[in-house]
């Protein structure tokens, strides 16, 4: 698993976030699937293709940022991130 033990969150925050995500996804899905009518050639339109490209670029950048944050820890047992300080050696940071 990519996520290592981090700081704990309160149950209320987790439950409220879950409820918000459920209501938000329901309202978006309802708008897309029920109320909006798409033309037959919509999958080949410039807006759909450019939106799909932008989505996947953002998705890849998000995965890369998550990998960078995971690697900011000195070891696997550490819970906090260490900001790199000092000289940079190729792909590794020296910690002072």
Protein backbone atom coordinates (compact mmCIF):
# COMPACT_ATOMS: atom_id res chain seq x y z
CA UNK A 1 0.00 0.00 0.00
CA UNK A 2 1.33 3.43 -0.88
CA UNK A 3 -0.09 5.27 2.13
CA UNK A 4 1.95 4.94 5.29
CA UNK A 5 0.63 5.60 8.77
CA UNK A 6 0.01 9.29 9.09
CA UNK A 7 -1.70 11.58 11.53
CA UNK A 8 -5.18 10.69 12.70
CA UNK A 9 -8.33 12.57 11.66
CA UNK A 10 -11.44 13.04 13.70
CA UNK A 11 -14.43 10.86 12.89
CA UNK A 12 -16.68 13.88 12.41
CA UNK A 13 -14.41 15.33 9.72
CA UNK A 14 -14.27 12.00 7.92
CA UNK A 15 -18.05 11.50 8.04
CA UNK A 16 -18.79 15.05 6.86
CA UNK A 17 -16.30 14.71 4.01
CA UNK A 18 -17.91 11.42 2.97
CA UNK A 19 -21.40 12.96 3.00
CA UNK A 20 -20.22 15.97 0.99
CA UNK A 21 -18.56 13.73 -1.62
CA UNK A 22 -21.69 11.58 -1.94
CA UNK A 23 -24.03 14.55 -2.39
CA UNK A 24 -21.65 16.29 -4.78
CA UNK A 25 -21.12 13.21 -6.97
CA UNK A 26 -24.86 12.50 -7.03
CA UNK A 27 -25.72 16.02 -8.18
CA UNK A 28 -23.02 16.01 -10.87
CA UNK A 29 -23.99 12.54 -12.14
CA UNK A 30 -27.66 13.51 -12.24
CA UNK A 31 -26.88 16.62 -14.28
CA UNK A 32 -24.68 14.71 -16.72
CA UNK A 33 -26.89 11.66 -17.17
CA UNK A 34 -30.45 12.97 -16.79
CA UNK A 35 -30.75 16.65 -17.66
CA UNK A 36 -28.05 17.19 -20.27
CA UNK A 37 -28.58 16.10 -23.88
CA UNK A 38 -25.43 15.49 -25.90
CA UNK A 39 -25.21 15.55 -29.71
CA UNK A 40 -24.30 12.30 -31.48
CA UNK A 41 -20.78 13.45 -32.40
CA UNK A 42 -19.94 14.78 -28.92
CA UNK A 43 -17.17 12.21 -28.31
CA UNK A 44 -15.28 13.59 -31.31
CA UNK A 45 -15.77 17.28 -30.53
CA UNK A 46 -12.88 19.56 -29.65
CA UNK A 47 -14.25 20.34 -26.20
CA UNK A 48 -14.52 16.65 -25.22
CA UNK A 49 -11.07 15.74 -26.57
CA UNK A 50 -9.34 18.74 -24.99
CA UNK A 51 -11.14 18.15 -21.67
CA UNK A 52 -10.06 14.51 -21.67
CA UNK A 53 -6.44 15.47 -22.37
CA UNK A 54 -6.47 18.09 -19.59
CA UNK A 55 -8.00 15.55 -17.19
CA UNK A 56 -5.30 12.95 -17.82
CA UNK A 57 -2.50 15.52 -17.59
CA UNK A 58 -3.85 16.61 -14.20
CA UNK A 59 -4.21 12.98 -13.10
CA UNK A 60 -0.59 12.19 -13.99
CA UNK A 61 0.66 15.36 -12.28
CA UNK A 62 -1.30 14.44 -9.15
CA UNK A 63 0.25 10.95 -9.09
CA UNK A 64 3.71 12.49 -9.48
CA UNK A 65 3.11 14.98 -6.67
CA UNK A 66 1.90 12.18 -4.38
CA UNK A 67 5.05 10.18 -5.13
CA UNK A 68 7.23 13.19 -4.31
CA UNK A 69 5.44 13.71 -0.99
CA UNK A 70 5.80 10.05 -0.06
CA UNK A 71 9.52 10.21 -0.75
CA UNK A 72 10.05 13.27 1.49
CA UNK A 73 10.15 11.00 4.52
CA UNK A 74 13.57 9.85 5.66
CA UNK A 75 12.45 6.33 6.47
CA UNK A 76 9.30 4.23 6.33
CA UNK A 77 8.50 4.60 10.05
CA UNK A 78 8.47 8.39 10.04
CA UNK A 79 5.10 10.17 10.15
CA UNK A 80 6.17 13.72 9.24
CA UNK A 81 7.68 15.04 6.04
CA UNK A 82 11.24 16.35 5.96
CA UNK A 83 11.79 19.42 3.81
CA UNK A 84 15.02 18.95 1.80
CA UNK A 85 17.80 21.33 2.83
CA UNK A 86 21.31 21.75 1.51
CA UNK A 87 22.88 20.67 -1.76
CA UNK A 88 21.10 18.56 -4.29
CA UNK A 89 22.86 15.50 -5.61
CA UNK A 90 21.28 14.22 -8.88
CA UNK A 91 17.89 12.89 -7.71
CA UNK A 92 18.72 12.66 -4.00
CA UNK A 93 18.54 15.45 -1.47
CA UNK A 94 21.05 15.73 1.33
CA UNK A 95 19.46 16.40 4.69
CA UNK A 96 21.21 18.60 7.24
